[in-house]
Full PDB file with SEQRES, HELIX, SHEET, SSBOND, CRYST1, ORIGX, SCALE, CONECT and MASTER records, all heavy atoms in Angstrom:
SEQRES   1 A   42  THR GLN ALA SER LEU LEU ARG VAL SER ASP LEU SER VAL          
SEQRES   2 A   42  ARG PHE GLY GLY VAL VAL ALA LEU ALA GLY ILE SER PHE          
SEQRES   3 A   42  GLU VAL ALA PRO GLY THR ILE VAL GLY LEU ILE GLY PRO          
SEQRES   4 A   42  ASN GLY ALA                                                  
SHEET    1 AA1 2 LEU A   6  PHE A  15  0                                        
SHEET    2 AA1 2 VAL A  18  VAL A  28 -1                                        
CRYST1    1.000    1.000    1.000  90.00  90.00  90.00 P 1           1          
ORIGX1      1.000000  0.000000  0.000000        0.00000                         
ORIGX2      0.000000  1.000000  0.000000        0.00000                         
ORIGX3      0.000000  0.000000  1.000000        0.00000                         
SCALE1      1.000000  0.000000  0.000000        0.00000                         
SCALE2      0.000000  1.000000  0.000000        0.00000                         
SCALE3      0.000000  0.000000  1.000000        0.00000                         
ATOM      1  N   THR A   1       0.802  -1.174  -0.064  1.00  0.00           N  
ATOM      2  CA  THR A   1      -0.016   0.060  -0.010  1.00  0.00           C  
ATOM      3  C   THR A   1       0.913   1.145  -0.025  1.00  0.00           C  
ATOM      4  O   THR A   1       2.000   1.224   0.518  1.00  0.00           O  
ATOM      5  CB  THR A   1      -0.852  -0.086   1.260  1.00  0.00           C  
ATOM      6  OG1 THR A   1      -0.094   0.018   2.329  1.00  0.00           O  
ATOM      7  CG2 THR A   1      -1.791  -1.191   1.305  1.00  0.00           C  
ATOM      8  N   GLN A   2       0.321   2.265  -0.503  1.00  0.00           N  
ATOM      9  CA  GLN A   2       1.088   3.560  -0.633  1.00  0.00           C  
ATOM     10  C   GLN A   2       1.564   4.138   0.711  1.00  0.00           C  
ATOM     11  O   GLN A   2       2.541   4.785   0.767  1.00  0.00           O  
ATOM     12  CB  GLN A   2       0.221   4.719  -1.299  1.00  0.00           C  
ATOM     13  CG  GLN A   2       1.043   5.812  -1.748  1.00  0.00           C  
ATOM     14  CD  GLN A   2       0.212   6.866  -2.616  1.00  0.00           C  
ATOM     15  OE1 GLN A   2      -1.098   6.611  -2.772  1.00  0.00           O  
ATOM     16  NE2 GLN A   2       0.673   7.928  -3.064  1.00  0.00           N  
ATOM     17  N   ALA A   3       0.749   3.720   1.746  1.00  0.00           N  
ATOM     18  CA  ALA A   3       1.126   4.346   3.072  1.00  0.00           C  
ATOM     19  C   ALA A   3       2.186   3.532   3.751  1.00  0.00           C  
ATOM     20  O   ALA A   3       2.600   3.893   4.765  1.00  0.00           O  
ATOM     21  CB  ALA A   3      -0.074   4.368   4.007  1.00  0.00           C  
ATOM     22  N   SER A   4       2.598   2.436   3.183  1.00  0.00           N  
ATOM     23  CA  SER A   4       3.461   1.577   3.963  1.00  0.00           C  
ATOM     24  C   SER A   4       5.014   1.928   3.627  1.00  0.00           C  
ATOM     25  O   SER A   4       5.370   2.262   2.487  1.00  0.00           O  
ATOM     26  CB  SER A   4       3.408   0.172   3.446  1.00  0.00           C  
ATOM     27  OG  SER A   4       2.134  -0.412   3.894  1.00  0.00           O  
ATOM     28  N   LEU A   5       5.935   1.970   4.708  1.00  0.00           N  
ATOM     29  CA  LEU A   5       7.258   2.152   4.613  1.00  0.00           C  
ATOM     30  C   LEU A   5       7.900   0.849   4.515  1.00  0.00           C  
ATOM     31  O   LEU A   5       8.756   0.530   3.704  1.00  0.00           O  
ATOM     32  CB  LEU A   5       7.805   3.015   5.792  1.00  0.00           C  
ATOM     33  CG  LEU A   5       9.336   3.236   5.841  1.00  0.00           C  
ATOM     34  CD1 LEU A   5       9.592   4.138   4.640  1.00  0.00           C  
ATOM     35  CD2 LEU A   5       9.681   3.741   7.164  1.00  0.00           C  
ATOM     36  N   LEU A   6       7.503  -0.107   5.606  1.00  0.00           N  
ATOM     37  CA  LEU A   6       8.028  -1.563   5.548  1.00  0.00           C  
ATOM     38  C   LEU A   6       6.858  -2.418   5.404  1.00  0.00           C  
ATOM     39  O   LEU A   6       5.754  -2.242   6.131  1.00  0.00           O  
ATOM     40  CB  LEU A   6       8.656  -1.664   6.882  1.00  0.00           C  
ATOM     41  CG  LEU A   6       9.238  -3.154   7.069  1.00  0.00           C  
ATOM     42  CD1 LEU A   6      10.517  -3.424   6.326  1.00  0.00           C  
ATOM     43  CD2 LEU A   6       9.426  -3.438   8.542  1.00  0.00           C  
ATOM     44  N   ARG A   7       6.955  -3.409   4.628  1.00  0.00           N  
ATOM     45  CA  ARG A   7       5.990  -4.522   4.459  1.00  0.00           C  
ATOM     46  C   ARG A   7       6.529  -5.921   4.563  1.00  0.00           C  
ATOM     47  O   ARG A   7       7.558  -6.121   3.800  1.00  0.00           O  
ATOM     48  CB  ARG A   7       5.181  -4.319   3.167  1.00  0.00           C  
ATOM     49  CG  ARG A   7       4.007  -5.354   3.074  1.00  0.00           C  
ATOM     50  CD  ARG A   7       3.330  -5.237   1.857  1.00  0.00           C  
ATOM     51  NE  ARG A   7       2.199  -6.203   1.674  1.00  0.00           N  
ATOM     52  CZ  ARG A   7       1.531  -6.521   0.636  1.00  0.00           C  
ATOM     53  NH1 ARG A   7       1.663  -5.750  -0.468  1.00  0.00           N  
ATOM     54  NH2 ARG A   7       0.488  -7.325   0.699  1.00  0.00           N  
ATOM     55  N   VAL A   8       6.093  -6.572   5.556  1.00  0.00           N  
ATOM     56  CA  VAL A   8       6.532  -7.996   5.763  1.00  0.00           C  
ATOM     57  C   VAL A   8       5.270  -8.879   5.300  1.00  0.00           C  
ATOM     58  O   VAL A   8       4.256  -8.757   5.780  1.00  0.00           O  
ATOM     59  CB  VAL A   8       6.769  -8.291   7.210  1.00  0.00           C  
ATOM     60  CG1 VAL A   8       7.115  -9.734   7.345  1.00  0.00           C  
ATOM     61  CG2 VAL A   8       8.018  -7.372   7.710  1.00  0.00           C  
ATOM     62  N   SER A   9       5.667  -9.726   4.277  1.00  0.00           N  
ATOM     63  CA  SER A   9       4.499 -10.625   3.586  1.00  0.00           C  
ATOM     64  C   SER A   9       4.850 -12.068   3.741  1.00  0.00           C  
ATOM     65  O   SER A   9       5.702 -12.571   3.186  1.00  0.00           O  
ATOM     66  CB  SER A   9       4.334 -10.039   2.215  1.00  0.00           C  
ATOM     67  OG  SER A   9       4.121  -8.813   2.130  1.00  0.00           O  
ATOM     68  N   ASP A  10       4.032 -12.737   4.473  1.00  0.00           N  
ATOM     69  CA  ASP A  10       3.997 -14.235   4.535  1.00  0.00           C  
ATOM     70  C   ASP A  10       5.372 -14.732   4.820  1.00  0.00           C  
ATOM     71  O   ASP A  10       5.796 -15.691   4.189  1.00  0.00           O  
ATOM     72  CB  ASP A  10       3.425 -14.714   3.176  1.00  0.00           C  
ATOM     73  CG  ASP A  10       2.948 -16.189   3.397  1.00  0.00           C  
ATOM     74  OD1 ASP A  10       2.519 -16.624   4.479  1.00  0.00           O  
ATOM     75  OD2 ASP A  10       2.879 -16.969   2.382  1.00  0.00           O  
ATOM     76  N   LEU A  11       6.183 -14.220   5.698  1.00  0.00           N  
ATOM     77  CA  LEU A  11       7.503 -14.592   5.917  1.00  0.00           C  
ATOM     78  C   LEU A  11       7.587 -15.799   6.851  1.00  0.00           C  
ATOM     79  O   LEU A  11       6.910 -15.920   7.820  1.00  0.00           O  
ATOM     80  CB  LEU A  11       8.179 -13.459   6.652  1.00  0.00           C  
ATOM     81  CG  LEU A  11       9.716 -13.331   6.673  1.00  0.00           C  
ATOM     82  CD1 LEU A  11      10.148 -13.015   5.271  1.00  0.00           C  
ATOM     83  CD2 LEU A  11      10.274 -12.394   7.771  1.00  0.00           C  
ATOM     84  N   SER A  12       8.364 -16.809   6.314  1.00  0.00           N  
ATOM     85  CA  SER A  12       8.567 -18.054   7.069  1.00  0.00           C  
ATOM     86  C   SER A  12      10.082 -18.301   7.219  1.00  0.00           C  
ATOM     87  O   SER A  12      10.846 -18.158   6.176  1.00  0.00           O  
ATOM     88  CB  SER A  12       7.824 -19.184   6.342  1.00  0.00           C  
ATOM     89  OG  SER A  12       6.434 -19.029   6.363  1.00  0.00           O  
ATOM     90  N   VAL A  13      10.485 -18.799   8.356  1.00  0.00           N  
ATOM     91  CA  VAL A  13      11.893 -19.201   8.632  1.00  0.00           C  
ATOM     92  C   VAL A  13      11.883 -20.428   9.481  1.00  0.00           C  
ATOM     93  O   VAL A  13      11.198 -20.610  10.392  1.00  0.00           O  
ATOM     94  CB  VAL A  13      12.621 -18.070   9.430  1.00  0.00           C  
ATOM     95  CG1 VAL A  13      14.060 -18.495   9.808  1.00  0.00           C  
ATOM     96  CG2 VAL A  13      12.505 -16.687   8.738  1.00  0.00           C  
ATOM     97  N   ARG A  14      12.747 -21.369   9.001  1.00  0.00           N  
ATOM     98  CA  ARG A  14      13.029 -22.637   9.756  1.00  0.00           C  
ATOM     99  C   ARG A  14      14.390 -22.846   9.991  1.00  0.00           C  
ATOM    100  O   ARG A  14      15.245 -22.541   9.181  1.00  0.00           O  
ATOM    101  CB  ARG A  14      12.371 -23.869   8.988  1.00  0.00           C  
ATOM    102  CG  ARG A  14      10.863 -23.725   8.667  1.00  0.00           C  
ATOM    103  CD  ARG A  14      10.366 -25.089   7.922  1.00  0.00           C  
ATOM    104  NE  ARG A  14      10.965 -25.047   6.606  1.00  0.00           N  
ATOM    105  CZ  ARG A  14      10.558 -24.302   5.576  1.00  0.00           C  
ATOM    106  NH1 ARG A  14       9.344 -23.541   5.701  1.00  0.00           N  
ATOM    107  NH2 ARG A  14      11.043 -24.446   4.370  1.00  0.00           N  
ATOM    108  N   PHE A  15      14.834 -23.336  11.201  1.00  0.00           N  
ATOM    109  CA  PHE A  15      16.057 -23.768  11.534  1.00  0.00           C  
ATOM    110  C   PHE A  15      16.020 -25.306  11.708  1.00  0.00           C  
ATOM    111  O   PHE A  15      15.533 -25.729  12.849  1.00  0.00           O  
ATOM    112  CB  PHE A  15      16.563 -23.103  12.705  1.00  0.00           C  
ATOM    113  CG  PHE A  15      16.656 -21.623  12.551  1.00  0.00           C  
ATOM    114  CD1 PHE A  15      15.728 -20.732  13.308  1.00  0.00           C  
ATOM    115  CD2 PHE A  15      17.561 -20.914  11.766  1.00  0.00           C  
ATOM    116  CE1 PHE A  15      15.823 -19.418  13.178  1.00  0.00           C  
ATOM    117  CE2 PHE A  15      17.637 -19.610  11.507  1.00  0.00           C  
ATOM    118  CZ  PHE A  15      16.713 -18.735  12.295  1.00  0.00           C  
ATOM    119  N   GLY A  16      16.377 -26.004  10.675  1.00  0.00           N  
ATOM    120  CA  GLY A  16      16.215 -27.413  10.718  1.00  0.00           C  
ATOM    121  C   GLY A  16      14.705 -27.837  10.831  1.00  0.00           C  
ATOM    122  O   GLY A  16      13.857 -27.317   9.973  1.00  0.00           O  
ATOM    123  N   GLY A  17      14.314 -28.470  11.858  1.00  0.00           N  
ATOM    124  CA  GLY A  17      12.929 -28.776  12.097  1.00  0.00           C  
ATOM    125  C   GLY A  17      12.174 -27.809  12.833  1.00  0.00           C  
ATOM    126  O   GLY A  17      11.061 -28.038  13.224  1.00  0.00           O  
ATOM    127  N   VAL A  18      12.857 -26.703  13.397  1.00  0.00           N  
ATOM    128  CA  VAL A  18      12.204 -25.709  14.097  1.00  0.00           C  
ATOM    129  C   VAL A  18      11.626 -24.582  13.324  1.00  0.00           C  
ATOM    130  O   VAL A  18      12.345 -24.006  12.545  1.00  0.00           O  
ATOM    131  CB  VAL A  18      13.177 -25.181  15.269  1.00  0.00           C  
ATOM    132  CG1 VAL A  18      12.579 -24.089  16.028  1.00  0.00           C  
ATOM    133  CG2 VAL A  18      13.722 -26.281  16.134  1.00  0.00           C  
ATOM    134  N   VAL A  19      10.432 -24.336  13.521  1.00  0.00           N  
ATOM    135  CA  VAL A  19       9.705 -23.208  12.753  1.00  0.00           C  
ATOM    136  C   VAL A  19       9.836 -21.911  13.635  1.00  0.00           C  
ATOM    137  O   VAL A  19       9.240 -21.904  14.637  1.00  0.00           O  
ATOM    138  CB  VAL A  19       8.203 -23.511  12.404  1.00  0.00           C  
ATOM    139  CG1 VAL A  19       7.509 -22.430  11.779  1.00  0.00           C  
ATOM    140  CG2 VAL A  19       8.190 -24.803  11.579  1.00  0.00           C  
ATOM    141  N   ALA A  20      10.658 -21.005  13.131  1.00  0.00           N  
ATOM    142  CA  ALA A  20      10.827 -19.775  13.866  1.00  0.00           C  
ATOM    143  C   ALA A  20       9.880 -18.771  13.474  1.00  0.00           C  
ATOM    144  O   ALA A  20       9.380 -17.983  14.430  1.00  0.00           O  
ATOM    145  CB  ALA A  20      12.253 -19.263  13.661  1.00  0.00           C  
ATOM    146  N   LEU A  21       9.422 -18.725  12.272  1.00  0.00           N  
ATOM    147  CA  LEU A  21       8.337 -17.686  11.770  1.00  0.00           C  
ATOM    148  C   LEU A  21       7.500 -18.570  10.849  1.00  0.00           C  
ATOM    149  O   LEU A  21       8.023 -19.282   9.984  1.00  0.00           O  
ATOM    150  CB  LEU A  21       8.966 -16.513  11.130  1.00  0.00           C  
ATOM    151  CG  LEU A  21       9.786 -15.626  12.012  1.00  0.00           C  
ATOM    152  CD1 LEU A  21      10.462 -14.537  11.130  1.00  0.00           C  
ATOM    153  CD2 LEU A  21       8.909 -14.984  13.036  1.00  0.00           C  
ATOM    154  N   ALA A  22       6.246 -18.348  10.978  1.00  0.00           N  
ATOM    155  CA  ALA A  22       5.330 -19.151  10.079  1.00  0.00           C  
ATOM    156  C   ALA A  22       4.282 -18.079   9.472  1.00  0.00           C  
ATOM    157  O   ALA A  22       3.221 -17.761  10.050  1.00  0.00           O  
ATOM    158  CB  ALA A  22       4.464 -20.044  10.917  1.00  0.00           C  
ATOM    159  N   GLY A  23       4.657 -17.665   8.290  1.00  0.00           N  
ATOM    160  CA  GLY A  23       3.746 -16.920   7.524  1.00  0.00           C  
ATOM    161  C   GLY A  23       3.335 -15.565   8.099  1.00  0.00           C  
ATOM    162  O   GLY A  23       2.220 -15.078   8.186  1.00  0.00           O  
ATOM    163  N   ILE A  24       4.429 -14.822   8.668  1.00  0.00           N  
ATOM    164  CA  ILE A  24       4.128 -13.454   9.315  1.00  0.00           C  
ATOM    165  C   ILE A  24       3.897 -12.451   8.283  1.00  0.00           C  
ATOM    166  O   ILE A  24       4.749 -12.196   7.390  1.00  0.00           O  
ATOM    167  CB  ILE A  24       5.241 -13.155  10.205  1.00  0.00           C  
ATOM    168  CG1 ILE A  24       5.508 -14.277  11.393  1.00  0.00           C  
ATOM    169  CG2 ILE A  24       5.203 -11.816  10.952  1.00  0.00           C  
ATOM    170  CD1 ILE A  24       4.286 -14.493  12.213  1.00  0.00           C  
ATOM    171  N   SER A  25       2.868 -11.569   8.437  1.00  0.00           N  
ATOM    172  CA  SER A  25       2.728 -10.361   7.696  1.00  0.00           C  
ATOM    173  C   SER A  25       2.189  -9.218   8.449  1.00  0.00           C  
ATOM    174  O   SER A  25       1.420  -9.339   9.413  1.00  0.00           O  
ATOM    175  CB  SER A  25       1.552 -10.726   6.683  1.00  0.00           C  
ATOM    176  OG  SER A  25       1.917 -11.763   5.760  1.00  0.00           O  
ATOM    177  N   PHE A  26       2.727  -8.058   8.237  1.00  0.00           N  
ATOM    178  CA  PHE A  26       2.390  -6.789   8.891  1.00  0.00           C  
ATOM    179  C   PHE A  26       2.986  -5.678   8.170  1.00  0.00           C  
ATOM    180  O   PHE A  26       3.931  -5.891   7.339  1.00  0.00           O  
ATOM    181  CB  PHE A  26       2.658  -6.841  10.330  1.00  0.00           C  
ATOM    182  CG  PHE A  26       4.095  -6.642  10.616  1.00  0.00           C  
ATOM    183  CD1 PHE A  26       4.748  -5.572  10.819  1.00  0.00           C  
ATOM    184  CD2 PHE A  26       4.862  -7.904  10.796  1.00  0.00           C  
ATOM    185  CE1 PHE A  26       6.145  -5.468  11.161  1.00  0.00           C  
ATOM    186  CE2 PHE A  26       6.102  -7.853  11.185  1.00  0.00           C  
ATOM    187  CZ  PHE A  26       6.764  -6.588  11.200  1.00  0.00           C  
ATOM    188  N   GLU A  27       2.712  -4.443   8.416  1.00  0.00           N  
ATOM    189  CA  GLU A  27       3.118  -3.224   7.635  1.00  0.00           C  
ATOM    190  C   GLU A  27       3.570  -2.202   8.841  1.00  0.00           C  
ATOM    191  O   GLU A  27       2.964  -2.170   9.855  1.00  0.00           O  
ATOM    192  CB  GLU A  27       2.187  -2.659   6.746  1.00  0.00           C  
ATOM    193  CG  GLU A  27       1.834  -3.650   5.635  1.00  0.00           C  
ATOM    194  CD  GLU A  27       0.904  -3.025   4.542  1.00  0.00           C  
ATOM    195  OE1 GLU A  27       0.697  -1.772   4.511  1.00  0.00           O  
ATOM    196  OE2 GLU A  27       0.488  -3.716   3.689  1.00  0.00           O  
ATOM    197  N   VAL A  28       4.515  -1.330   8.313  1.00  0.00           N  
ATOM    198  CA  VAL A  28       4.765  -0.160   9.214  1.00  0.00           C  
ATOM    199  C   VAL A  28       4.653   1.023   8.381  1.00  0.00           C  
ATOM    200  O   VAL A  28       5.403   1.183   7.371  1.00  0.00           O  
ATOM    201  CB  VAL A  28       6.195  -0.302   9.934  1.00  0.00           C  
ATOM    202  CG1 VAL A  28       6.644   0.925  10.592  1.00  0.00           C  
ATOM    203  CG2 VAL A  28       6.350  -1.622  10.648  1.00  0.00           C  
ATOM    204  N   ALA A  29       3.818   1.958   8.716  1.00  0.00           N  
ATOM    205  CA  ALA A  29       3.623   3.240   7.984  1.00  0.00           C  
ATOM    206  C   ALA A  29       4.774   4.146   8.380  1.00  0.00           C  
ATOM    207  O   ALA A  29       5.155   4.162   9.591  1.00  0.00           O  
ATOM    208  CB  ALA A  29       2.218   3.704   8.167  1.00  0.00           C  
ATOM    209  N   PRO A  30       5.007   5.273   7.571  1.00  0.00           N  
ATOM    210  CA  PRO A  30       5.922   6.230   7.838  1.00  0.00           C  
ATOM    211  C   PRO A  30       5.502   7.059   9.222  1.00  0.00           C  
ATOM    212  O   PRO A  30       4.216   7.294   9.337  1.00  0.00           O  
ATOM    213  CB  PRO A  30       5.810   7.147   6.683  1.00  0.00           C  
ATOM    214  CG  PRO A  30       5.567   6.438   5.575  1.00  0.00           C  
ATOM    215  CD  PRO A  30       4.472   5.283   6.087  1.00  0.00           C  
ATOM    216  N   GLY A  31       6.438   7.324  10.026  1.00  0.00           N  
ATOM    217  CA  GLY A  31       6.180   8.056  11.265  1.00  0.00           C  
ATOM    218  C   GLY A  31       5.317   7.458  12.328  1.00  0.00           C  
ATOM    219  O   GLY A  31       4.881   8.001  13.156  1.00  0.00           O  
ATOM    220  N   THR A  32       5.242   6.069  12.143  1.00  0.00           N  
ATOM    221  CA  THR A  32       4.410   5.430  13.225  1.00  0.00           C  
ATOM    222  C   THR A  32       5.416   4.340  13.963  1.00  0.00           C  
ATOM    223  O   THR A  32       6.518   4.152  13.649  1.00  0.00           O  
ATOM    224  CB  THR A  32       3.377   4.452  12.574  1.00  0.00           C  
ATOM    225  OG1 THR A  32       4.003   3.524  11.792  1.00  0.00           O  
ATOM    226  CG2 THR A  32       2.372   5.268  11.678  1.00  0.00           C  
ATOM    227  N   ILE A  33       4.947   4.162  15.228  1.00  0.00           N  
ATOM    228  CA  ILE A  33       5.735   3.219  16.045  1.00  0.00           C  
ATOM    229  C   ILE A  33       4.844   1.839  16.189  1.00  0.00           C  
ATOM    230  O   ILE A  33       3.771   2.027  16.565  1.00  0.00           O  
ATOM    231  CB  ILE A  33       5.897   3.833  17.492  1.00  0.00           C  
ATOM    232  CG1 ILE A  33       6.589   5.185  17.415  1.00  0.00           C  
ATOM    233  CG2 ILE A  33       6.716   2.847  18.409  1.00  0.00           C  
ATOM    234  CD1 ILE A  33       6.806   5.867  18.711  1.00  0.00           C  
ATOM    235  N   VAL A  34       5.530   0.808  15.893  1.00  0.00           N  
ATOM    236  CA  VAL A  34       4.918  -0.560  15.875  1.00  0.00           C  
ATOM    237  C   VAL A  34       5.661  -1.304  16.990  1.00  0.00           C  
ATOM    238  O   VAL A  34       6.912  -1.512  16.886  1.00  0.00           O  
ATOM    239  CB  VAL A  34       4.895  -1.255  14.624  1.00  0.00           C  
ATOM    240  CG1 VAL A  34       4.303  -2.607  14.706  1.00  0.00           C  
ATOM    241  CG2 VAL A  34       4.111  -0.386  13.462  1.00  0.00           C  
ATOM    242  N   GLY A  35       4.998  -1.851  17.921  1.00  0.00           N  
ATOM    243  CA  GLY A  35       5.515  -2.761  18.943  1.00  0.00           C  
ATOM    244  C   GLY A  35       5.464  -4.211  18.587  1.00  0.00           C  
ATOM    245  O   GLY A  35       4.349  -4.568  18.071  1.00  0.00           O  
ATOM    246  N   LEU A  36       6.447  -4.963  18.723  1.00  0.00           N  
ATOM    247  CA  LEU A  36       6.533  -6.383  18.423  1.00  0.00           C  
ATOM    248  C   LEU A  36       6.713  -7.154  19.718  1.00  0.00           C  
ATOM    249  O   LEU A  36       7.734  -7.024  20.347  1.00  0.00           O  
ATOM    250  CB  LEU A  36       7.550  -6.633  17.358  1.00  0.00           C  
ATOM    251  CG  LEU A  36       7.614  -8.025  16.682  1.00  0.00           C  
ATOM    252  CD1 LEU A  36       6.337  -8.313  15.813  1.00  0.00           C  
ATOM    253  CD2 LEU A  36       8.912  -8.212  15.808  1.00  0.00           C  
ATOM    254  N   ILE A  37       5.610  -7.927  20.170  1.00  0.00           N  
ATOM    255  CA  ILE A  37       5.806  -8.498  21.407  1.00  0.00           C  
ATOM    256  C   ILE A  37       5.576 -10.013  21.302  1.00  0.00           C  
ATOM    257  O   ILE A  37       5.176 -10.502  20.329  1.00  0.00           O  
ATOM    258  CB  ILE A  37       4.681  -7.956  22.327  1.00  0.00           C  
ATOM    259  CG1 ILE A  37       3.282  -8.234  21.980  1.00  0.00           C  
ATOM    260  CG2 ILE A  37       4.823  -6.441  22.611  1.00  0.00           C  
ATOM    261  CD1 ILE A  37       2.174  -7.961  22.885  1.00  0.00           C  
ATOM    262  N   GLY A  38       5.830 -10.750  22.384  1.00  0.00           N  
ATOM    263  CA  GLY A  38       5.646 -12.139  22.338  1.00  0.00           C  
ATOM    264  C   GLY A  38       6.651 -12.814  23.464  1.00  0.00           C  
ATOM    265  O   GLY A  38       7.653 -12.169  23.839  1.00  0.00           O  
ATOM    266  N   PRO A  39       6.270 -14.020  23.948  1.00  0.00           N  
ATOM    267  CA  PRO A  39       7.148 -14.565  24.941  1.00  0.00           C  
ATOM    268  C   PRO A  39       8.533 -14.938  24.386  1.00  0.00           C  
ATOM    269  O   PRO A  39       8.663 -14.856  23.120  1.00  0.00           O  
ATOM    270  CB  PRO A  39       6.446 -15.848  25.315  1.00  0.00           C  
ATOM    271  CG  PRO A  39       5.081 -15.761  24.825  1.00  0.00           C  
ATOM    272  CD  PRO A  39       5.178 -14.744  23.614  1.00  0.00           C  
ATOM    273  N   ASN A  40       9.440 -15.388  25.096  1.00  0.00           N  
ATOM    274  CA  ASN A  40      10.835 -15.843  24.692  1.00  0.00           C  
ATOM    275  C   ASN A  40      10.612 -16.967  23.626  1.00  0.00           C  
ATOM    276  O   ASN A  40       9.733 -17.794  23.890  1.00  0.00           O  
ATOM    277  CB  ASN A  40      11.654 -16.273  25.840  1.00  0.00           C  
ATOM    278  CG  ASN A  40      12.215 -15.197  26.667  1.00  0.00           C  
ATOM    279  OD1 ASN A  40      12.396 -14.142  26.248  1.00  0.00           O  
ATOM    280  ND2 ASN A  40      12.424 -15.492  27.935  1.00  0.00           N  
ATOM    281  N   GLY A  41      11.335 -16.853  22.542  1.00  0.00           N  
ATOM    282  CA  GLY A  41      11.232 -17.851  21.554  1.00  0.00           C  
ATOM    283  C   GLY A  41      10.090 -17.726  20.586  1.00  0.00           C  
ATOM    284  O   GLY A  41       9.840 -18.513  19.682  1.00  0.00           O  
ATOM    285  N   ALA A  42       9.382 -16.541  20.658  1.00  0.00           N  
ATOM    286  CA  ALA A  42       8.275 -16.265  19.765  1.00  0.00           C  
ATOM    287  C   ALA A  42       8.673 -15.917  18.364  1.00  0.00           C  
ATOM    288  O   ALA A  42       7.840 -16.074  17.382  1.00  0.00           O  
ATOM    289  CB  ALA A  42       7.393 -15.080  20.318  1.00  0.00           C  
TER     290      ALA A  42                                                      
MASTER        0    0    0    0    2    0    0    6  289    1    0    4          
END                                                                             
């Protein structure tokens, strides 16, 4: 979208058999603050 500065789309990362990220999507618009939270290992 035109308002997006950063766009993460359907991102997946595996380390061997460990799924570290499974289809993550979100956007960061210019001049905004986005918090990324979750327990250890999220």
